[in-house]
């Protein structure tokens, strides 16, 4: 979930994401996509990685 649905150029925000680690161990990864109205980069992929003990 993003901290705001509308940001002006130059503004910043936060994106929250969760990875379900139940029953998993070691390195876990998840890719999320952020969509925007930026004509040069309408979609940005973010890779989340965590080590589960």
Protein backbone atom coordinates (compact mmCIF):
# COMPACT_ATOMS: atom_id res chain seq x y z
CA UNK A 1 0.00 0.00 0.00
CA UNK A 2 1.38 3.41 -0.91
CA UNK A 3 1.33 6.32 1.53
CA UNK A 4 -0.53 8.41 -1.05
CA UNK A 5 -2.28 7.73 -4.33
CA UNK A 6 -1.11 11.08 -5.79
CA UNK A 7 2.38 12.58 -5.56
CA UNK A 8 3.64 15.69 -7.28
CA UNK A 9 6.97 15.57 -9.17
CA UNK A 10 9.81 15.54 -6.65
CA UNK A 11 7.61 14.40 -3.75
CA UNK A 12 8.37 11.18 -1.91
CA UNK A 13 6.19 8.54 -0.33
CA UNK A 14 6.35 5.12 1.28
CA UNK A 15 5.33 1.73 -0.07
CA UNK A 16 4.50 -1.10 2.33
CA UNK A 17 4.79 -4.75 1.31
CA UNK A 18 4.68 -8.05 3.18
CA UNK A 19 6.22 -11.42 2.48
CA UNK A 20 4.56 -14.49 4.03
CA UNK A 21 7.48 -16.46 5.48
CA UNK A 22 5.41 -19.20 7.12
CA UNK A 23 7.10 -22.55 6.57
CA UNK A 24 10.06 -21.00 4.79
CA UNK A 25 13.70 -20.64 5.69
CA UNK A 26 16.78 -19.18 4.06
CA UNK A 27 16.59 -16.46 1.44
CA UNK A 28 13.07 -15.44 0.41
CA UNK A 29 12.35 -12.96 -2.39
CA UNK A 30 9.29 -11.16 -3.74
CA UNK A 31 8.91 -8.84 -6.71
CA UNK A 32 6.40 -6.00 -6.63
CA UNK A 33 5.47 -3.56 -9.39
CA UNK A 34 4.80 0.14 -8.90
CA UNK A 35 2.64 1.75 -11.60
CA UNK A 36 2.78 5.47 -12.37
CA UNK A 37 1.85 7.99 -15.03
CA UNK A 38 5.53 8.66 -15.85
CA UNK A 39 5.73 8.25 -19.65
CA UNK A 40 9.41 7.21 -19.48
CA UNK A 41 8.92 4.56 -16.76
CA UNK A 42 5.24 3.68 -16.29
CA UNK A 43 6.12 0.53 -14.29
CA UNK A 44 9.02 0.00 -11.90
CA UNK A 45 9.83 -3.44 -10.49
CA UNK A 46 11.17 -3.71 -6.96
CA UNK A 47 12.76 -6.89 -5.59
CA UNK A 48 12.42 -7.56 -1.87
CA UNK A 49 14.81 -10.09 -0.31
CA UNK A 50 15.02 -11.32 3.24
CA UNK A 51 16.86 -14.03 5.14
CA UNK A 52 14.45 -16.09 7.27
CA UNK A 53 15.93 -17.86 10.28
